[in-house]
Amino acid sequence: MPVKVLRVGLLLSFLCLYLEWGKRQHAFVAQIEWQIITLQKDTVNTFMHPLVLLPFLGQLLLLYTVFTSKPRRWQTRTSIVLMGTLAFMVLLVGGLSLNGKIILSALPFWIIAVWLWQKE
């Protein structure tokens, strides 16, 4: 499988991470990002949280690697690490709460991340 396809798959699998908190409160990462970008009045303070800023920078870096002709290995691996901070927290929360939906939403990201890390 081409590396560019794996990069796009990694980005899409990250956006499909599923989060649940409280009663009847749940969202995908893509929905949360959209709300932060479009609906928040204090977007700068929201982005300064490490679990928001690092994965967002990882997504931007991964998008850069998708659209450049010869991206460097460190760029892809750095984006995996940055996005992996949130993906690890999601997997950890899913595992600790034994929530199958959360765990299953995180598995594609980690499978593609390991595959891409080895292929790079």
N, C-alpha and C. Protein backbone atom coordinates (compact mmCIF):
# COMPACT_ATOMS: atom_id res chain seq x y z
N MET A 1 0.85 -1.18 0.00
CA MET A 1 0.00 0.00 0.00
C MET A 1 0.90 1.24 0.00
N PRO A 2 0.58 2.22 -0.85
CA PRO A 2 1.40 3.43 -0.91
C PRO A 2 1.37 4.20 0.41
N VAL A 3 2.48 4.86 0.70
CA VAL A 3 2.63 5.59 1.95
C VAL A 3 1.63 6.74 2.03
N LYS A 4 1.36 7.40 0.91
CA LYS A 4 0.40 8.51 0.94
C LYS A 4 -0.99 8.05 1.35
N VAL A 5 -1.38 6.87 0.90
CA VAL A 5 -2.68 6.33 1.29
C VAL A 5 -2.71 6.04 2.79
N LEU A 6 -1.60 5.54 3.31
CA LEU A 6 -1.52 5.30 4.75
C LEU A 6 -1.60 6.61 5.54
N ARG A 7 -0.98 7.65 5.03
CA ARG A 7 -1.04 8.95 5.71
C ARG A 7 -2.47 9.48 5.74
N VAL A 8 -3.15 9.39 4.63
CA VAL A 8 -4.55 9.84 4.58
C VAL A 8 -5.41 8.97 5.50
N GLY A 9 -5.17 7.67 5.50
CA GLY A 9 -5.90 6.77 6.39
C GLY A 9 -5.65 7.09 7.85
N LEU A 10 -4.41 7.45 8.18
CA LEU A 10 -4.09 7.82 9.56
C LEU A 10 -4.85 9.08 9.96
N LEU A 11 -4.89 10.04 9.08
CA LEU A 11 -5.61 11.28 9.38
C LEU A 11 -7.10 11.02 9.55
N LEU A 12 -7.68 10.23 8.67
CA LEU A 12 -9.11 9.93 8.78
C LEU A 12 -9.42 9.09 10.02
N SER A 13 -8.55 8.15 10.33
CA SER A 13 -8.80 7.34 11.53
C SER A 13 -8.66 8.19 12.79
N PHE A 14 -7.81 9.19 12.77
CA PHE A 14 -7.70 10.09 13.92
C PHE A 14 -8.97 10.91 14.09
N LEU A 15 -9.51 11.38 12.98
CA LEU A 15 -10.73 12.19 13.05
C LEU A 15 -11.93 11.35 13.49
N CYS A 16 -11.84 10.03 13.39
CA CYS A 16 -12.93 9.15 13.78
C CYS A 16 -12.80 8.63 15.21
N LEU A 17 -11.84 9.14 15.97
CA LEU A 17 -11.74 8.75 17.38
C LEU A 17 -13.02 9.16 18.09
N TYR A 18 -13.54 8.27 18.91
CA TYR A 18 -14.83 8.47 19.57
C TYR A 18 -14.61 8.73 21.05
N LEU A 19 -15.27 9.75 21.56
CA LEU A 19 -15.15 10.11 22.97
C LEU A 19 -16.52 10.09 23.63
N GLU A 20 -16.56 9.63 24.86
CA GLU A 20 -17.79 9.65 25.65
C GLU A 20 -17.46 10.19 27.03
N TRP A 21 -18.33 11.02 27.56
CA TRP A 21 -18.16 11.52 28.91
C TRP A 21 -19.53 11.85 29.48
N GLY A 22 -19.69 11.66 30.75
CA GLY A 22 -20.97 11.95 31.38
C GLY A 22 -22.09 11.08 30.82
N LYS A 23 -23.31 11.59 30.99
CA LYS A 23 -24.48 10.90 30.46
C LYS A 23 -24.90 11.53 29.14
N ARG A 24 -25.02 10.70 28.13
CA ARG A 24 -25.46 11.12 26.80
C ARG A 24 -24.59 12.22 26.19
N GLN A 25 -23.35 12.25 26.53
CA GLN A 25 -22.42 13.20 25.93
C GLN A 25 -21.34 12.40 25.21
N HIS A 26 -21.27 12.58 23.91
CA HIS A 26 -20.31 11.85 23.10
C HIS A 26 -20.08 12.62 21.82
N ALA A 27 -18.92 12.40 21.22
CA ALA A 27 -18.59 13.06 19.96
C ALA A 27 -17.35 12.40 19.35
N PHE A 28 -17.19 12.63 18.08
CA PHE A 28 -15.97 12.23 17.39
C PHE A 28 -15.00 13.41 17.41
N VAL A 29 -13.73 13.13 17.24
CA VAL A 29 -12.72 14.19 17.25
C VAL A 29 -13.01 15.22 16.17
N ALA A 30 -13.47 14.79 15.02
CA ALA A 30 -13.79 15.73 13.93
C ALA A 30 -14.89 16.70 14.36
N GLN A 31 -15.91 16.21 15.07
CA GLN A 31 -16.98 17.09 15.53
C GLN A 31 -16.46 18.09 16.55
N ILE A 32 -15.61 17.64 17.45
CA ILE A 32 -15.07 18.52 18.47
C ILE A 32 -14.18 19.59 17.84
N GLU A 33 -13.35 19.19 16.88
CA GLU A 33 -12.51 20.17 16.19
C GLU A 33 -13.36 21.21 15.47
N TRP A 34 -14.39 20.76 14.81
CA TRP A 34 -15.27 21.70 14.10
C TRP A 34 -15.91 22.69 15.08
N GLN A 35 -16.33 22.21 16.22
CA GLN A 35 -16.93 23.09 17.21
C GLN A 35 -15.91 24.09 17.76
N ILE A 36 -14.69 23.64 17.99
CA ILE A 36 -13.66 24.54 18.49
C ILE A 36 -13.36 25.62 17.48
N ILE A 37 -13.25 25.24 16.21
CA ILE A 37 -12.88 26.21 15.18
C ILE A 37 -14.01 27.18 14.89
N THR A 38 -15.25 26.70 14.84
CA THR A 38 -16.34 27.56 14.38
C THR A 38 -17.17 28.18 15.48
N LEU A 39 -17.36 27.50 16.60
CA LEU A 39 -18.32 27.98 17.58
C LEU A 39 -17.71 28.65 18.80
N GLN A 40 -16.47 28.41 19.08
CA GLN A 40 -15.86 28.96 20.29
C GLN A 40 -15.56 30.45 20.12
N LYS A 41 -15.85 31.21 21.17
CA LYS A 41 -15.50 32.62 21.16
C LYS A 41 -14.05 32.82 21.57
N ASP A 42 -13.57 31.98 22.49
CA ASP A 42 -12.22 32.08 23.00
C ASP A 42 -11.36 30.94 22.44
N THR A 43 -11.20 30.94 21.13
CA THR A 43 -10.52 29.84 20.45
C THR A 43 -9.05 29.75 20.85
N VAL A 44 -8.39 30.89 21.07
CA VAL A 44 -6.96 30.88 21.38
C VAL A 44 -6.71 30.15 22.70
N ASN A 45 -7.48 30.43 23.72
CA ASN A 45 -7.29 29.74 25.00
C ASN A 45 -7.62 28.27 24.90
N THR A 46 -8.59 27.91 24.10
CA THR A 46 -8.95 26.51 23.92
C THR A 46 -7.81 25.76 23.24
N PHE A 47 -7.19 26.37 22.24
CA PHE A 47 -6.10 25.73 21.51
C PHE A 47 -4.83 25.61 22.34
N MET A 48 -4.69 26.36 23.39
CA MET A 48 -3.47 26.31 24.19
C MET A 48 -3.39 25.09 25.09
N HIS A 49 -4.46 24.34 25.21
CA HIS A 49 -4.41 23.10 26.01
C HIS A 49 -3.58 22.08 25.24
N PRO A 50 -2.64 21.40 25.91
CA PRO A 50 -1.75 20.46 25.20
C PRO A 50 -2.48 19.34 24.47
N LEU A 51 -3.60 18.85 25.01
CA LEU A 51 -4.32 17.78 24.33
C LEU A 51 -5.14 18.27 23.14
N VAL A 52 -5.14 19.57 22.93
CA VAL A 52 -5.78 20.14 21.74
C VAL A 52 -4.70 20.60 20.76
N LEU A 53 -3.71 21.30 21.27
CA LEU A 53 -2.68 21.90 20.42
C LEU A 53 -1.78 20.85 19.76
N LEU A 54 -1.28 19.90 20.52
CA LEU A 54 -0.34 18.92 19.96
C LEU A 54 -0.96 18.07 18.85
N PRO A 55 -2.16 17.48 19.06
CA PRO A 55 -2.75 16.72 17.96
C PRO A 55 -3.09 17.58 16.74
N PHE A 56 -3.49 18.83 16.98
CA PHE A 56 -3.80 19.70 15.86
C PHE A 56 -2.54 20.00 15.04
N LEU A 57 -1.43 20.26 15.73
CA LEU A 57 -0.17 20.45 15.01
C LEU A 57 0.25 19.19 14.27
N GLY A 58 -0.01 18.04 14.87
CA GLY A 58 0.28 16.77 14.20
C GLY A 58 -0.54 16.59 12.94
N GLN A 59 -1.80 16.99 12.99
CA GLN A 59 -2.65 16.91 11.80
C GLN A 59 -2.14 17.83 10.69
N LEU A 60 -1.76 19.04 11.06
CA LEU A 60 -1.24 19.97 10.06
C LEU A 60 0.04 19.44 9.43
N LEU A 61 0.92 18.88 10.25
CA LEU A 61 2.16 18.32 9.73
C LEU A 61 1.89 17.12 8.83
N LEU A 62 0.93 16.29 9.22
CA LEU A 62 0.58 15.14 8.39
C LEU A 62 -0.04 15.58 7.06
N LEU A 63 -0.86 16.62 7.10
CA LEU A 63 -1.41 17.16 5.85
C LEU A 63 -0.30 17.68 4.96
N TYR A 64 0.70 18.31 5.55
CA TYR A 64 1.85 18.78 4.78
C TYR A 64 2.55 17.61 4.10
N THR A 65 2.71 16.50 4.82
CA THR A 65 3.40 15.35 4.22
C THR A 65 2.57 14.71 3.12
N VAL A 66 1.26 14.83 3.20
CA VAL A 66 0.39 14.27 2.16
C VAL A 66 0.55 15.05 0.86
N PHE A 67 0.68 16.36 0.96
CA PHE A 67 0.68 17.20 -0.24
C PHE A 67 2.06 17.57 -0.75
N THR A 68 3.12 17.17 -0.07
CA THR A 68 4.46 17.45 -0.60
C THR A 68 4.95 16.24 -1.39
N SER A 69 5.86 16.50 -2.31
CA SER A 69 6.32 15.41 -3.17
C SER A 69 7.31 14.48 -2.46
N LYS A 70 8.19 15.04 -1.63
CA LYS A 70 9.17 14.22 -0.93
C LYS A 70 9.24 14.62 0.55
N PRO A 71 8.25 14.19 1.33
CA PRO A 71 8.32 14.51 2.76
C PRO A 71 9.40 13.70 3.46
N ARG A 72 9.88 14.24 4.55
CA ARG A 72 10.92 13.55 5.30
C ARG A 72 10.31 12.61 6.32
N ARG A 73 11.08 11.61 6.68
CA ARG A 73 10.61 10.61 7.63
C ARG A 73 10.25 11.22 8.97
N TRP A 74 11.05 12.17 9.45
CA TRP A 74 10.81 12.77 10.76
C TRP A 74 9.47 13.51 10.79
N GLN A 75 9.03 14.03 9.65
CA GLN A 75 7.76 14.75 9.62
C GLN A 75 6.59 13.81 9.88
N THR A 76 6.60 12.67 9.24
CA THR A 76 5.54 11.69 9.43
C THR A 76 5.58 11.13 10.85
N ARG A 77 6.76 10.81 11.32
CA ARG A 77 6.87 10.23 12.66
C ARG A 77 6.52 11.24 13.74
N THR A 78 6.88 12.48 13.55
CA THR A 78 6.50 13.52 14.52
C THR A 78 4.99 13.70 14.55
N SER A 79 4.36 13.67 13.38
CA SER A 79 2.90 13.81 13.35
C SER A 79 2.23 12.62 14.05
N ILE A 80 2.79 11.43 13.91
CA ILE A 80 2.24 10.26 14.61
C ILE A 80 2.35 10.45 16.12
N VAL A 81 3.49 10.93 16.57
CA VAL A 81 3.68 11.13 18.01
C VAL A 81 2.74 12.21 18.53
N LEU A 82 2.61 13.32 17.80
CA LEU A 82 1.75 14.41 18.26
C LEU A 82 0.28 13.99 18.29
N MET A 83 -0.19 13.34 17.25
CA MET A 83 -1.59 12.88 17.25
C MET A 83 -1.76 11.71 18.22
N GLY A 84 -0.70 10.96 18.41
CA GLY A 84 -0.76 9.82 19.32
C GLY A 84 -0.98 10.21 20.76
N THR A 85 -0.67 11.45 21.14
CA THR A 85 -0.92 11.87 22.52
C THR A 85 -2.40 11.76 22.84
N LEU A 86 -3.24 12.30 21.98
CA LEU A 86 -4.69 12.21 22.21
C LEU A 86 -5.20 10.80 21.97
N ALA A 87 -4.69 10.14 20.94
CA ALA A 87 -5.15 8.78 20.64
C ALA A 87 -4.80 7.82 21.78
N PHE A 88 -3.66 8.03 22.42
CA PHE A 88 -3.29 7.20 23.56
C PHE A 88 -4.22 7.46 24.74
N MET A 89 -4.55 8.72 24.98
CA MET A 89 -5.47 9.04 26.07
C MET A 89 -6.84 8.43 25.82
N VAL A 90 -7.30 8.48 24.58
CA VAL A 90 -8.60 7.89 24.25
C VAL A 90 -8.56 6.38 24.47
N LEU A 91 -7.49 5.73 24.01
CA LEU A 91 -7.36 4.28 24.21
C LEU A 91 -7.26 3.94 25.69
N LEU A 92 -6.53 4.74 26.45
CA LEU A 92 -6.38 4.51 27.89
C LEU A 92 -7.72 4.65 28.60
N VAL A 93 -8.46 5.69 28.29
CA VAL A 93 -9.78 5.90 28.91
C VAL A 93 -10.73 4.77 28.52
N GLY A 94 -10.70 4.38 27.27
CA GLY A 94 -11.55 3.27 26.84
C GLY A 94 -11.19 1.97 27.54
N GLY A 95 -9.91 1.74 27.73
CA GLY A 95 -9.49 0.53 28.41
C GLY A 95 -9.83 0.53 29.89
N LEU A 96 -9.63 1.67 30.53
CA LEU A 96 -9.94 1.76 31.96
C LEU A 96 -11.43 1.68 32.25
N SER A 97 -12.23 2.22 31.34
CA SER A 97 -13.68 2.18 31.55
C SER A 97 -14.33 0.96 30.88
N LEU A 98 -13.51 0.15 30.22
CA LEU A 98 -13.99 -1.03 29.49
C LEU A 98 -15.10 -0.66 28.50
N ASN A 99 -14.92 0.45 27.82
CA ASN A 99 -15.88 0.92 26.83
C ASN A 99 -15.41 0.44 25.45
N GLY A 100 -16.12 -0.52 24.91
CA GLY A 100 -15.74 -1.12 23.63
C GLY A 100 -15.78 -0.16 22.46
N LYS A 101 -16.73 0.79 22.46
CA LYS A 101 -16.82 1.74 21.34
C LYS A 101 -15.59 2.63 21.29
N ILE A 102 -15.12 3.06 22.44
CA ILE A 102 -13.95 3.93 22.48
C ILE A 102 -12.71 3.15 22.06
N ILE A 103 -12.57 1.94 22.56
CA ILE A 103 -11.40 1.11 22.21
C ILE A 103 -11.39 0.81 20.72
N LEU A 104 -12.54 0.42 20.17
CA LEU A 104 -12.62 0.11 18.74
C LEU A 104 -12.37 1.33 17.86
N SER A 105 -12.70 2.52 18.35
CA SER A 105 -12.45 3.71 17.55
C SER A 105 -10.96 4.06 17.52
N ALA A 106 -10.23 3.66 18.55
CA ALA A 106 -8.80 3.98 18.62
C ALA A 106 -7.92 2.95 17.90
N LEU A 107 -8.40 1.74 17.77
CA LEU A 107 -7.58 0.68 17.16
C LEU A 107 -7.15 0.98 15.72
N PRO A 108 -8.03 1.47 14.84
CA PRO A 108 -7.56 1.75 13.47
C PRO A 108 -6.41 2.77 13.43
N PHE A 109 -6.48 3.78 14.28
CA PHE A 109 -5.40 4.76 14.32
C PHE A 109 -4.09 4.08 14.66
N TRP A 110 -4.09 3.25 15.70
CA TRP A 110 -2.84 2.62 16.14
C TRP A 110 -2.34 1.58 15.15
N ILE A 111 -3.23 0.87 14.50
CA ILE A 111 -2.80 -0.11 13.50
C ILE A 111 -2.14 0.60 12.32
N ILE A 112 -2.77 1.65 11.84
CA ILE A 112 -2.19 2.40 10.71
C ILE A 112 -0.92 3.10 11.14
N ALA A 113 -0.88 3.63 12.37
CA ALA A 113 0.33 4.33 12.85
C ALA A 113 1.52 3.39 12.90
N VAL A 114 1.33 2.18 13.40
CA VAL A 114 2.44 1.21 13.46
C VAL A 114 2.86 0.80 12.06
N TRP A 115 1.88 0.58 11.21
CA TRP A 115 2.17 0.19 9.83
C TRP A 115 2.94 1.29 9.11
N LEU A 116 2.51 2.54 9.28
CA LEU A 116 3.18 3.67 8.64
C LEU A 116 4.56 3.89 9.22
N TRP A 117 4.71 3.72 10.51
CA TRP A 117 6.02 3.90 11.17
C TRP A 117 7.02 2.90 10.60
N GLN A 118 6.59 1.66 10.39
CA GLN A 118 7.48 0.64 9.86
C GLN A 118 7.77 0.86 8.38
N LYS A 119 6.82 1.37 7.66
CA LYS A 119 6.98 1.56 6.22
C LYS A 119 7.84 2.77 5.89
N GLU A 120 7.83 3.76 6.74
CA GLU A 120 8.60 5.00 6.51
C GLU A 120 10.07 4.74 6.59
